[in-house]
PDB file of N, CA and C in Angstrom:
ATOM      1  N   MET A   1     -41.324   9.824  31.896  1.00  0.00           N
ATOM      2  CA  MET A   1     -40.806  10.632  30.823  1.00  0.00           C
ATOM      3  C   MET A   1     -41.240  10.038  29.474  1.00  0.00           C
ATOM      4  N   ASP A   2     -41.497  10.918  28.562  1.00  0.00           N
ATOM      5  CA  ASP A   2     -41.876  10.454  27.256  1.00  0.00           C
ATOM      6  C   ASP A   2     -40.646  10.277  26.372  1.00  0.00           C
ATOM      7  N   VAL A   3     -40.844   9.737  25.204  1.00  0.00           N
ATOM      8  CA  VAL A   3     -39.740   9.421  24.290  1.00  0.00           C
ATOM      9  C   VAL A   3     -39.032  10.665  23.834  1.00  0.00           C
ATOM     10  N   TYR A   4     -39.791  11.764  23.596  1.00  0.00           N
ATOM     11  CA  TYR A   4     -39.196  13.008  23.131  1.00  0.00           C
ATOM     12  C   TYR A   4     -38.205  13.561  24.169  1.00  0.00           C
ATOM     13  N   THR A   5     -38.599  13.534  25.432  1.00  0.00           N
ATOM     14  CA  THR A   5     -37.708  14.031  26.478  1.00  0.00           C
ATOM     15  C   THR A   5     -36.456  13.176  26.587  1.00  0.00           C
ATOM     16  N   MET A   6     -36.618  11.861  26.517  1.00  0.00           N
ATOM     17  CA  MET A   6     -35.451  10.969  26.605  1.00  0.00           C
ATOM     18  C   MET A   6     -34.489  11.215  25.439  1.00  0.00           C
ATOM     19  N   ASP A   7     -35.037  11.408  24.222  1.00  0.00           N
ATOM     20  CA  ASP A   7     -34.191  11.677  23.065  1.00  0.00           C
ATOM     21  C   ASP A   7     -33.476  13.027  23.226  1.00  0.00           C
ATOM     22  N   LEU A   8     -34.158  14.025  23.783  1.00  0.00           N
ATOM     23  CA  LEU A   8     -33.532  15.326  23.979  1.00  0.00           C
ATOM     24  C   LEU A   8     -32.414  15.222  25.012  1.00  0.00           C
ATOM     25  N   ILE A   9     -32.610  14.477  26.081  1.00  0.00           N
ATOM     26  CA  ILE A   9     -31.566  14.323  27.092  1.00  0.00           C
ATOM     27  C   ILE A   9     -30.368  13.556  26.501  1.00  0.00           C
ATOM     28  N   GLN A  10     -30.652  12.525  25.728  1.00  0.00           N
ATOM     29  CA  GLN A  10     -29.586  11.724  25.157  1.00  0.00           C
ATOM     30  C   GLN A  10     -28.788  12.536  24.143  1.00  0.00           C
ATOM     31  N   GLU A  11     -29.431  13.328  23.300  1.00  0.00           N
ATOM     32  CA  GLU A  11     -28.726  14.168  22.346  1.00  0.00           C
ATOM     33  C   GLU A  11     -27.883  15.214  23.033  1.00  0.00           C
ATOM     34  N   THR A  12     -28.392  15.803  24.111  1.00  0.00           N
ATOM     35  CA  THR A  12     -27.628  16.813  24.857  1.00  0.00           C
ATOM     36  C   THR A  12     -26.406  16.166  25.494  1.00  0.00           C
ATOM     37  N   LEU A  13     -26.565  15.018  26.123  1.00  0.00           N
ATOM     38  CA  LEU A  13     -25.424  14.355  26.756  1.00  0.00           C
ATOM     39  C   LEU A  13     -24.366  13.940  25.740  1.00  0.00           C
ATOM     40  N   MET A  14     -24.783  13.442  24.589  1.00  0.00           N
ATOM     41  CA  MET A  14     -23.837  13.053  23.555  1.00  0.00           C
ATOM     42  C   MET A  14     -23.064  14.236  22.999  1.00  0.00           C
ATOM     43  N   GLY A  15     -23.764  15.381  22.870  1.00  0.00           N
ATOM     44  CA  GLY A  15     -23.083  16.594  22.432  1.00  0.00           C
ATOM     45  C   GLY A  15     -22.043  17.059  23.439  1.00  0.00           C
ATOM     46  N   LEU A  16     -22.418  17.072  24.707  1.00  0.00           N
ATOM     47  CA  LEU A  16     -21.467  17.468  25.749  1.00  0.00           C
ATOM     48  C   LEU A  16     -20.290  16.484  25.839  1.00  0.00           C
ATOM     49  N   LEU A  17     -20.578  15.223  25.692  1.00  0.00           N
ATOM     50  CA  LEU A  17     -19.517  14.220  25.703  1.00  0.00           C
ATOM     51  C   LEU A  17     -18.561  14.391  24.541  1.00  0.00           C
ATOM     52  N   GLY A  18     -19.092  14.714  23.372  1.00  0.00           N
ATOM     53  CA  GLY A  18     -18.248  14.968  22.179  1.00  0.00           C
ATOM     54  C   GLY A  18     -17.343  16.164  22.402  1.00  0.00           C
ATOM     55  N   PHE A  19     -17.885  17.263  22.932  1.00  0.00           N
ATOM     56  CA  PHE A  19     -17.043  18.440  23.191  1.00  0.00           C
ATOM     57  C   PHE A  19     -15.982  18.126  24.257  1.00  0.00           C
ATOM     58  N   GLY A  20     -16.407  17.399  25.287  1.00  0.00           N
ATOM     59  CA  GLY A  20     -15.448  17.058  26.366  1.00  0.00           C
ATOM     60  C   GLY A  20     -14.308  16.198  25.831  1.00  0.00           C
ATOM     61  N   LEU A  21     -14.645  15.201  25.043  1.00  0.00           N
ATOM     62  CA  LEU A  21     -13.598  14.350  24.490  1.00  0.00           C
ATOM     63  C   LEU A  21     -12.679  15.105  23.556  1.00  0.00           C
ATOM     64  N   SER A  22     -13.234  16.074  22.819  1.00  0.00           N
ATOM     65  CA  SER A  22     -12.386  16.876  21.954  1.00  0.00           C
ATOM     66  C   SER A  22     -11.371  17.682  22.742  1.00  0.00           C
ATOM     67  N   PHE A  23     -11.812  18.269  23.850  1.00  0.00           N
ATOM     68  CA  PHE A  23     -10.892  19.032  24.661  1.00  0.00           C
ATOM     69  C   PHE A  23      -9.838  18.120  25.310  1.00  0.00           C
ATOM     70  N   VAL A  24     -10.227  16.934  25.719  1.00  0.00           N
ATOM     71  CA  VAL A  24      -9.254  16.003  26.312  1.00  0.00           C
ATOM     72  C   VAL A  24      -8.200  15.605  25.291  1.00  0.00           C
ATOM     73  N   VAL A  25      -8.601  15.333  24.061  1.00  0.00           N
ATOM     74  CA  VAL A  25      -7.646  14.929  23.025  1.00  0.00           C
ATOM     75  C   VAL A  25      -6.711  16.103  22.711  1.00  0.00           C
ATOM     76  N   LEU A  26      -7.263  17.323  22.615  1.00  0.00           N
ATOM     77  CA  LEU A  26      -6.396  18.479  22.355  1.00  0.00           C
ATOM     78  C   LEU A  26      -5.417  18.710  23.509  1.00  0.00           C
ATOM     79  N   PHE A  27      -5.858  18.492  24.750  1.00  0.00           N
ATOM     80  CA  PHE A  27      -4.942  18.666  25.897  1.00  0.00           C
ATOM     81  C   PHE A  27      -3.837  17.602  25.849  1.00  0.00           C
ATOM     82  N   ILE A  28      -4.154  16.369  25.502  1.00  0.00           N
ATOM     83  CA  ILE A  28      -3.149  15.327  25.427  1.00  0.00           C
ATOM     84  C   ILE A  28      -2.115  15.654  24.339  1.00  0.00           C
ATOM     85  N   ILE A  29      -2.572  16.155  23.208  1.00  0.00           N
ATOM     86  CA  ILE A  29      -1.647  16.535  22.139  1.00  0.00           C
ATOM     87  C   ILE A  29      -0.752  17.696  22.603  1.00  0.00           C
ATOM     88  N   TYR A  30      -1.332  18.690  23.259  1.00  0.00           N
ATOM     89  CA  TYR A  30      -0.573  19.827  23.773  1.00  0.00           C
ATOM     90  C   TYR A  30       0.482  19.351  24.764  1.00  0.00           C
ATOM     91  N   ARG A  31       0.077  18.459  25.671  1.00  0.00           N
ATOM     92  CA  ARG A  31       1.002  17.986  26.702  1.00  0.00           C
ATOM     93  C   ARG A  31       2.131  17.158  26.087  1.00  0.00           C
ATOM     94  N   ALA A  32       1.829  16.400  25.062  1.00  0.00           N
ATOM     95  CA  ALA A  32       2.864  15.587  24.407  1.00  0.00           C
ATOM     96  C   ALA A  32       3.903  16.490  23.732  1.00  0.00           C
ATOM     97  N   VAL A  33       3.442  17.534  23.075  1.00  0.00           N
ATOM     98  CA  VAL A  33       4.377  18.488  22.429  1.00  0.00           C
ATOM     99  C   VAL A  33       5.200  19.206  23.482  1.00  0.00           C
ATOM    100  N   GLN A  34       4.564  19.593  24.566  1.00  0.00           N
ATOM    101  CA  GLN A  34       5.264  20.287  25.647  1.00  0.00           C
ATOM    102  C   GLN A  34       6.338  19.379  26.251  1.00  0.00           C
ATOM    103  N   LEU A  35       6.022  18.129  26.503  1.00  0.00           N
ATOM    104  CA  LEU A  35       7.029  17.213  27.066  1.00  0.00           C
ATOM    105  C   LEU A  35       8.172  16.942  26.100  1.00  0.00           C
ATOM    106  N   THR A  36       7.866  16.868  24.817  1.00  0.00           N
ATOM    107  CA  THR A  36       8.927  16.655  23.831  1.00  0.00           C
ATOM    108  C   THR A  36       9.892  17.840  23.789  1.00  0.00           C
ATOM    109  N   ASN A  37       9.322  19.050  23.846  1.00  0.00           N
ATOM    110  CA  ASN A  37      10.178  20.234  23.889  1.00  0.00           C
ATOM    111  C   ASN A  37      11.016  20.291  25.152  1.00  0.00           C
ATOM    112  N   GLN A  38      10.433  19.906  26.275  1.00  0.00           N
ATOM    113  CA  GLN A  38      11.162  19.875  27.543  1.00  0.00           C
ATOM    114  C   GLN A  38      12.304  18.833  27.458  1.00  0.00           C
ATOM    115  N   LEU A  39      12.047  17.718  26.855  1.00  0.00           N
ATOM    116  CA  LEU A  39      13.067  16.684  26.713  1.00  0.00           C
ATOM    117  C   LEU A  39      14.216  17.174  25.843  1.00  0.00           C
ATOM    118  N   LYS A  40      13.892  17.833  24.751  1.00  0.00           N
ATOM    119  CA  LYS A  40      14.940  18.393  23.894  1.00  0.00           C
ATOM    120  C   LYS A  40      15.767  19.430  24.621  1.00  0.00           C
ATOM    121  N   LEU A  41      15.137  20.300  25.393  1.00  0.00           N
ATOM    122  CA  LEU A  41      15.872  21.303  26.158  1.00  0.00           C
ATOM    123  C   LEU A  41      16.779  20.654  27.188  1.00  0.00           C
ATOM    124  N   ASN A  42      16.322  19.620  27.829  1.00  0.00           N
ATOM    125  CA  ASN A  42      17.160  18.909  28.801  1.00  0.00           C
ATOM    126  C   ASN A  42      18.359  18.240  28.121  1.00  0.00           C
ATOM    127  N   LEU A  43      18.135  17.677  26.929  1.00  0.00           N
ATOM    128  CA  LEU A  43      19.248  17.064  26.191  1.00  0.00           C
ATOM    129  C   LEU A  43      20.285  18.112  25.789  1.00  0.00           C
ATOM    130  N   ILE A  44      19.811  19.272  25.314  1.00  0.00           N
ATOM    131  CA  ILE A  44      20.732  20.359  24.914  1.00  0.00           C
ATOM    132  C   ILE A  44      21.514  20.836  26.131  1.00  0.00           C
ATOM    133  N   GLU A  45      20.815  20.941  27.256  1.00  0.00           N
ATOM    134  CA  GLU A  45      21.471  21.424  28.487  1.00  0.00           C
ATOM    135  C   GLU A  45      22.597  20.476  28.929  1.00  0.00           C
ATOM    136  N   LYS A  46      22.423  19.194  28.708  1.00  0.00           N
ATOM    137  CA  LYS A  46      23.445  18.214  29.078  1.00  0.00           C
ATOM    138  C   LYS A  46      24.484  18.006  28.016  1.00  0.00           C
ATOM    139  N   GLY A  47      24.379  18.736  26.892  1.00  0.00           N
ATOM    140  CA  GLY A  47      25.363  18.648  25.812  1.00  0.00           C
ATOM    141  C   GLY A  47      25.154  17.462  24.897  1.00  0.00           C
ATOM    142  N   MET A  48      23.963  16.909  24.881  1.00  0.00           N
ATOM    143  CA  MET A  48      23.670  15.765  23.984  1.00  0.00           C
ATOM    144  C   MET A  48      22.949  16.235  22.750  1.00  0.00           C
ATOM    145  N   ASP A  49      22.829  15.332  21.770  1.00  0.00           N
ATOM    146  CA  ASP A  49      22.170  15.639  20.511  1.00  0.00           C
ATOM    147  C   ASP A  49      20.637  15.642  20.715  1.00  0.00           C
ATOM    148  N   PRO A  50      19.936  16.727  20.383  1.00  0.00           N
ATOM    149  CA  PRO A  50      18.473  16.740  20.607  1.00  0.00           C
ATOM    150  C   PRO A  50      17.704  15.830  19.662  1.00  0.00           C
ATOM    151  N   SER A  51      18.364  15.323  18.627  1.00  0.00           N
ATOM    152  CA  SER A  51      17.649  14.390  17.732  1.00  0.00           C
ATOM    153  C   SER A  51      17.397  13.041  18.411  1.00  0.00           C
ATOM    154  N   LEU A  52      18.043  12.833  19.576  1.00  0.00           N
ATOM    155  CA  LEU A  52      17.813  11.595  20.326  1.00  0.00           C
ATOM    156  C   LEU A  52      16.375  11.540  20.880  1.00  0.00           C
ATOM    157  N   ALA A  53      15.727  12.694  20.952  1.00  0.00           N
ATOM    158  CA  ALA A  53      14.345  12.721  21.484  1.00  0.00           C
ATOM    159  C   ALA A  53      13.375  11.991  20.577  1.00  0.00           C
ATOM    160  N   HIS A  54      13.716  11.896  19.286  1.00  0.00           N
ATOM    161  CA  HIS A  54      12.802  11.242  18.359  1.00  0.00           C
ATOM    162  C   HIS A  54      13.115   9.774  18.136  1.00  0.00           C
ATOM    163  N   ALA A  55      14.238   9.294  18.702  1.00  0.00           N
ATOM    164  CA  ALA A  55      14.601   7.898  18.513  1.00  0.00           C
ATOM    165  C   ALA A  55      13.693   7.011  19.369  1.00  0.00           C
ATOM    166  N   LYS A  56      13.030   6.069  18.706  1.00  0.00           N
ATOM    167  CA  LYS A  56      12.126   5.141  19.431  1.00  0.00           C
ATOM    168  C   LYS A  56      12.563   3.712  19.160  1.00  0.00           C
ATOM    169  N   PRO A  57      12.597   2.900  20.182  1.00  0.00           N
ATOM    170  CA  PRO A  57      12.907   1.480  19.955  1.00  0.00           C
ATOM    171  C   PRO A  57      11.741   0.786  19.255  1.00  0.00           C
ATOM    172  N   PRO A  58      12.003  -0.203  18.422  1.00  0.00           N
ATOM    173  CA  PRO A  58      10.884  -0.909  17.752  1.00  0.00           C
ATOM    174  C   PRO A  58      10.047  -1.714  18.760  1.00  0.00           C
ATOM    175  N   ARG A  59       8.754  -1.664  18.561  1.00  0.00           N
ATOM    176  CA  ARG A  59       7.842  -2.380  19.449  1.00  0.00           C
ATOM    177  C   ARG A  59       7.066  -3.395  18.641  1.00  0.00           C
ATOM    178  N   LYS A  60       7.382  -4.648  18.814  1.00  0.00           N
ATOM    179  CA  LYS A  60       6.670  -5.697  18.073  1.00  0.00           C
ATOM    180  C   LYS A  60       5.339  -6.022  18.731  1.00  0.00           C
ATOM    181  N   GLN A  61       5.262  -5.882  20.032  1.00  0.00           N
ATOM    182  CA  GLN A  61       4.043  -6.266  20.733  1.00  0.00           C
ATOM    183  C   GLN A  61       2.922  -5.236  20.485  1.00  0.00           C
ATOM    184  N   ASN A  62       3.284  -4.036  20.082  1.00  0.00           N
ATOM    185  CA  ASN A  62       2.277  -3.015  19.808  1.00  0.00           C
ATOM    186  C   ASN A  62       1.355  -3.453  18.663  1.00  0.00           C
ATOM    187  N   ASN A  63       1.910  -4.062  17.623  1.00  0.00           N
ATOM    188  CA  ASN A  63       1.104  -4.549  16.506  1.00  0.00           C
ATOM    189  C   ASN A  63       0.123  -5.640  16.954  1.00  0.00           C
ATOM    190  N   LEU A  64       0.600  -6.519  17.809  1.00  0.00           N
ATOM    191  CA  LEU A  64      -0.253  -7.582  18.348  1.00  0.00           C
ATOM    192  C   LEU A  64      -1.379  -6.989  19.152  1.00  0.00           C
ATOM    193  N   LYS A  65      -1.067  -5.976  19.960  1.00  0.00           N
ATOM    194  CA  LYS A  65      -2.080  -5.342  20.800  1.00  0.00           C
ATOM    195  C   LYS A  65      -3.146  -4.680  19.936  1.00  0.00           C
ATOM    196  N   ILE A  66      -2.738  -3.978  18.887  1.00  0.00           N
ATOM    197  CA  ILE A  66      -3.712  -3.309  18.023  1.00  0.00           C
ATOM    198  C   ILE A  66      -4.543  -4.363  17.285  1.00  0.00           C
ATOM    199  N   GLY A  67      -3.928  -5.448  16.840  1.00  0.00           N
ATOM    200  CA  GLY A  67      -4.686  -6.510  16.180  1.00  0.00           C
ATOM    201  C   GLY A  67      -5.724  -7.141  17.085  1.00  0.00           C
ATOM    202  N   LEU A  68      -5.333  -7.426  18.318  1.00  0.00           N
ATOM    203  CA  LEU A  68      -6.303  -8.000  19.258  1.00  0.00           C
ATOM    204  C   LEU A  68      -7.409  -7.030  19.595  1.00  0.00           C
ATOM    205  N   LEU A  69      -7.075  -5.756  19.669  1.00  0.00           N
ATOM    206  CA  LEU A  69      -8.087  -4.740  19.943  1.00  0.00           C
ATOM    207  C   LEU A  69      -9.111  -4.673  18.818  1.00  0.00           C
ATOM    208  N   LEU A  70      -8.656  -4.745  17.583  1.00  0.00           N
ATOM    209  CA  LEU A  70      -9.570  -4.725  16.444  1.00  0.00           C
ATOM    210  C   LEU A  70     -10.423  -5.997  16.384  1.00  0.00           C
ATOM    211  N   ILE A  71      -9.823  -7.129  16.715  1.00  0.00           N
ATOM    212  CA  ILE A  71     -10.606  -8.369  16.780  1.00  0.00           C
ATOM    213  C   ILE A  71     -11.653  -8.258  17.876  1.00  0.00           C
ATOM    214  N   GLY A  72     -11.289  -7.659  19.020  1.00  0.00           N
ATOM    215  CA  GLY A  72     -12.248  -7.475  20.106  1.00  0.00           C
ATOM    216  C   GLY A  72     -13.409  -6.576  19.684  1.00  0.00           C
ATOM    217  N   VAL A  73     -13.104  -5.524  18.921  1.00  0.00           N
ATOM    218  CA  VAL A  73     -14.184  -4.661  18.453  1.00  0.00           C
ATOM    219  C   VAL A  73     -15.123  -5.436  17.506  1.00  0.00           C
ATOM    220  N   ALA A  74     -14.560  -6.199  16.589  1.00  0.00           N
ATOM    221  CA  ALA A  74     -15.392  -6.978  15.658  1.00  0.00           C
ATOM    222  C   ALA A  74     -16.256  -7.986  16.399  1.00  0.00           C
ATOM    223  N   LEU A  75     -15.648  -8.717  17.329  1.00  0.00           N
ATOM    224  CA  LEU A  75     -16.443  -9.707  18.104  1.00  0.00           C
ATOM    225  C   LEU A  75     -17.502  -9.025  18.967  1.00  0.00           C
ATOM    226  N   GLY A  76     -17.146  -7.856  19.504  1.00  0.00           N
ATOM    227  CA  GLY A  76     -18.084  -7.094  20.314  1.00  0.00           C
ATOM    228  C   GLY A  76     -19.284  -6.602  19.516  1.00  0.00           C
ATOM    229  N   VAL A  77     -19.038  -6.137  18.310  1.00  0.00           N
ATOM    230  CA  VAL A  77     -20.144  -5.669  17.451  1.00  0.00           C
ATOM    231  C   VAL A  77     -21.030  -6.856  17.101  1.00  0.00           C
ATOM    232  N   LEU A  78     -20.441  -7.965  16.768  1.00  0.00           N
ATOM    233  CA  LEU A  78     -21.228  -9.151  16.414  1.00  0.00           C
ATOM    234  C   LEU A  78     -22.041  -9.644  17.621  1.00  0.00           C
ATOM    235  N   ALA A  79     -21.405  -9.742  18.800  1.00  0.00           N
ATOM    236  CA  ALA A  79     -22.125 -10.190  19.981  1.00  0.00           C
ATOM    237  C   ALA A  79     -23.191  -9.162  20.388  1.00  0.00           C
ATOM    238  N   GLY A  80     -22.914  -7.892  20.259  1.00  0.00           N
ATOM    239  CA  GLY A  80     -23.902  -6.867  20.576  1.00  0.00           C
ATOM    240  C   GLY A  80     -25.105  -6.954  19.664  1.00  0.00           C
ATOM    241  N   TYR A  81     -24.869  -7.209  18.392  1.00  0.00           N
ATOM    242  CA  TYR A  81     -25.981  -7.352  17.440  1.00  0.00           C
ATOM    243  C   TYR A  81     -26.850  -8.557  17.819  1.00  0.00           C
ATOM    244  N   LEU A  82     -26.192  -9.663  18.162  1.00  0.00           N
ATOM    245  CA  LEU A  82     -26.950 -10.853  18.517  1.00  0.00           C
ATOM    246  C   LEU A  82     -27.748 -10.653  19.813  1.00  0.00           C
ATOM    247  N   ILE A  83     -27.140  -9.972  20.785  1.00  0.00           N
ATOM    248  CA  ILE A  83     -27.852  -9.684  22.029  1.00  0.00           C
ATOM    249  C   ILE A  83     -28.994  -8.721  21.793  1.00  0.00           C
ATOM    250  N   ASN A  84     -28.780  -7.750  20.918  1.00  0.00           N
ATOM    251  CA  ASN A  84     -29.831  -6.796  20.588  1.00  0.00           C
ATOM    252  C   ASN A  84     -31.026  -7.523  19.958  1.00  0.00           C
ATOM    253  N   LEU A  85     -30.740  -8.479  19.088  1.00  0.00           N
ATOM    254  CA  LEU A  85     -31.833  -9.219  18.430  1.00  0.00           C
ATOM    255  C   LEU A  85     -32.561 -10.164  19.392  1.00  0.00           C
ATOM    256  N   THR A  86     -31.804 -10.881  20.203  1.00  0.00           N
ATOM    257  CA  THR A  86     -32.418 -11.908  21.025  1.00  0.00           C
ATOM    258  C   THR A  86     -33.038 -11.346  22.317  1.00  0.00           C
ATOM    259  N   LEU A  87     -32.327 -10.512  23.008  1.00  0.00           N
ATOM    260  CA  LEU A  87     -32.820 -10.011  24.303  1.00  0.00           C
ATOM    261  C   LEU A  87     -33.543  -8.674  24.197  1.00  0.00           C
ATOM    262  N   GLY A  88     -33.365  -7.965  23.093  1.00  0.00           N
ATOM    263  CA  GLY A  88     -34.061  -6.695  22.924  1.00  0.00           C
ATOM    264  C   GLY A  88     -33.457  -5.552  23.713  1.00  0.00           C
ATOM    265  N   LEU A  89     -32.196  -5.675  24.130  1.00  0.00           N
ATOM    266  CA  LEU A  89     -31.531  -4.558  24.799  1.00  0.00           C
ATOM    267  C   LEU A  89     -31.377  -3.397  23.833  1.00  0.00           C
ATOM    268  N   PRO A  90     -31.322  -2.176  24.356  1.00  0.00           N
ATOM    269  CA  PRO A  90     -31.079  -1.021  23.458  1.00  0.00           C
ATOM    270  C   PRO A  90     -29.745  -1.152  22.731  1.00  0.00           C
ATOM    271  N   ASP A  91     -29.682  -0.538  21.558  1.00  0.00           N
ATOM    272  CA  ASP A  91     -28.468  -0.639  20.730  1.00  0.00           C
ATOM    273  C   ASP A  91     -27.216  -0.223  21.490  1.00  0.00           C
ATOM    274  N   PHE A  92     -27.278   0.959  22.094  1.00  0.00           N
ATOM    275  CA  PHE A  92     -26.086   1.518  22.739  1.00  0.00           C
ATOM    276  C   PHE A  92     -25.570   0.603  23.852  1.00  0.00           C
ATOM    277  N   VAL A  93     -26.483   0.062  24.653  1.00  0.00           N
ATOM    278  CA  VAL A  93     -26.070  -0.801  25.755  1.00  0.00           C
ATOM    279  C   VAL A  93     -25.469  -2.102  25.236  1.00  0.00           C
ATOM    280  N   ALA A  94     -26.133  -2.730  24.273  1.00  0.00           N
ATOM    281  CA  ALA A  94     -25.669  -4.017  23.765  1.00  0.00           C
ATOM    282  C   ALA A  94     -24.298  -3.896  23.091  1.00  0.00           C
ATOM    283  N   TYR A  95     -24.164  -2.901  22.196  1.00  0.00           N
ATOM    284  CA  TYR A  95     -22.917  -2.772  21.427  1.00  0.00           C
ATOM    285  C   TYR A  95     -21.762  -2.317  22.312  1.00  0.00           C
ATOM    286  N   SER A  96     -21.995  -1.283  23.109  1.00  0.00           N
ATOM    287  CA  SER A  96     -20.878  -0.765  23.903  1.00  0.00           C
ATOM    288  C   SER A  96     -20.407  -1.754  24.947  1.00  0.00           C
ATOM    289  N   SER A  97     -21.329  -2.450  25.614  1.00  0.00           N
ATOM    290  CA  SER A  97     -20.910  -3.399  26.627  1.00  0.00           C
ATOM    291  C   SER A  97     -20.155  -4.579  26.043  1.00  0.00           C
ATOM    292  N   MET A  98     -20.595  -5.060  24.908  1.00  0.00           N
ATOM    293  CA  MET A  98     -19.930  -6.227  24.295  1.00  0.00           C
ATOM    294  C   MET A  98     -18.555  -5.811  23.712  1.00  0.00           C
ATOM    295  N   ILE A  99     -18.459  -4.625  23.140  1.00  0.00           N
ATOM    296  CA  ILE A  99     -17.170  -4.179  22.619  1.00  0.00           C
ATOM    297  C   ILE A  99     -16.160  -4.029  23.743  1.00  0.00           C
ATOM    298  N   LEU A 100     -16.593  -3.404  24.833  1.00  0.00           N
ATOM    299  CA  LEU A 100     -15.681  -3.225  25.981  1.00  0.00           C
ATOM    300  C   LEU A 100     -15.323  -4.577  26.593  1.00  0.00           C
ATOM    301  N   LEU A 101     -16.262  -5.494  26.687  1.00  0.00           N
ATOM    302  CA  LEU A 101     -16.012  -6.813  27.270  1.00  0.00           C
ATOM    303  C   LEU A 101     -15.005  -7.586  26.435  1.00  0.00           C
ATOM    304  N   PHE A 102     -15.203  -7.663  25.121  1.00  0.00           N
ATOM    305  CA  PHE A 102     -14.284  -8.411  24.290  1.00  0.00           C
ATOM    306  C   PHE A 102     -12.894  -7.753  24.181  1.00  0.00           C
ATOM    307  N   CYS A 103     -12.870  -6.442  24.036  1.00  0.00           N
ATOM    308  CA  CYS A 103     -11.556  -5.760  23.951  1.00  0.00           C
ATOM    309  C   CYS A 103     -10.780  -5.929  25.244  1.00  0.00           C
ATOM    310  N   GLY A 104     -11.456  -5.739  26.367  1.00  0.00           N
ATOM    311  CA  GLY A 104     -10.802  -5.916  27.661  1.00  0.00           C
ATOM    312  C   GLY A 104     -10.326  -7.327  27.884  1.00  0.00           C
ATOM    313  N   GLY A 105     -11.148  -8.291  27.514  1.00  0.00           N
ATOM    314  CA  GLY A 105     -10.779  -9.700  27.672  1.00  0.00           C
ATOM    315  C   GLY A 105      -9.568 -10.096  26.852  1.00  0.00           C
ATOM    316  N   LEU A 106      -9.525  -9.611  25.612  1.00  0.00           N
ATOM    317  CA  LEU A 106      -8.368  -9.943  24.769  1.00  0.00           C
ATOM    318  C   LEU A 106      -7.112  -9.252  25.233  1.00  0.00           C
ATOM    319  N   LEU A 107      -7.206  -8.017  25.736  1.00  0.00           N
ATOM    320  CA  LEU A 107      -6.023  -7.347  26.250  1.00  0.00           C
ATOM    321  C   LEU A 107      -5.530  -7.980  27.546  1.00  0.00           C
ATOM    322  N   VAL A 108      -6.447  -8.449  28.369  1.00  0.00           N
ATOM    323  CA  VAL A 108      -6.028  -9.196  29.583  1.00  0.00           C
ATOM    324  C   VAL A 108      -5.327 -10.487  29.184  1.00  0.00           C
ATOM    325  N   TYR A 109      -5.866 -11.162  28.161  1.00  0.00           N
ATOM    326  CA  TYR A 109      -5.239 -12.376  27.662  1.00  0.00           C
ATOM    327  C   TYR A 109      -3.822 -12.074  27.132  1.00  0.00           C
ATOM    328  N   LEU A 110      -3.664 -10.969  26.414  1.00  0.00           N
ATOM    329  CA  LEU A 110      -2.364 -10.621  25.878  1.00  0.00           C
ATOM    330  C   LEU A 110      -1.381 -10.308  27.033  1.00  0.00           C
ATOM    331  N   HIS A 111      -1.866  -9.617  28.041  1.00  0.00           N
ATOM    332  CA  HIS A 111      -1.000  -9.287  29.174  1.00  0.00           C
ATOM    333  C   HIS A 111      -0.604 -10.557  29.952  1.00  0.00           C
ATOM    334  N   LYS A 112      -1.569 -11.444  30.129  1.00  0.00           N
ATOM    335  CA  LYS A 112      -1.269 -12.689  30.841  1.00  0.00           C
ATOM    336  C   LYS A 112      -0.284 -13.550  30.066  1.00  0.00           C
ATOM    337  N   SER A 113      -0.430 -13.611  28.746  1.00  0.00           N
ATOM    338  CA  SER A 113       0.489 -14.410  27.949  1.00  0.00           C
ATOM    339  C   SER A 113       1.891 -13.807  27.871  1.00  0.00           C
ATOM    340  N   SER A 114       1.979 -12.489  27.976  1.00  0.00           N
ATOM    341  CA  SER A 114       3.328 -11.840  27.934  1.00  0.00           C
ATOM    342  C   SER A 114       4.051 -12.034  29.270  1.00  0.00           C
ATOM    343  N   ILE A 115       3.306 -12.254  30.362  1.00  0.00           N
ATOM    344  CA  ILE A 115       3.941 -12.467  31.674  1.00  0.00           C
ATOM    345  C   ILE A 115       4.521 -13.887  31.726  1.00  0.00           C
ATOM    346  N   ASP A 116       3.815 -14.858  31.212  1.00  0.00           N
ATOM    347  CA  ASP A 116       4.253 -16.273  31.274  1.00  0.00           C
ATOM    348  C   ASP A 116       5.500 -16.531  30.487  1.00  0.00           C
TER     349      ASP A 116
END
């Protein structure tokens, strides 16, 4: 295959992936709203206050998780750039693999440290 065909295939796949991810995100939002309404109806049915559906306990570990995830992205981009320069791997492979590796590693570390 020539470069033009590979670029055409890559652009088509990225477009389809973008549309697919958009539909998945919209479905998740729809399902979250549907479950919230169902929870409120169940609370009303039992004679409880429906405003309890919005009460959320504070989560301190969520901030740590988001921080480690962002650190993982930064380290992954840096490592992907270095691998791209030294080994000559394609941009997409180097960046995506390193971002996933570092983010996953830091989240496993967070989970392991929360168990101990």
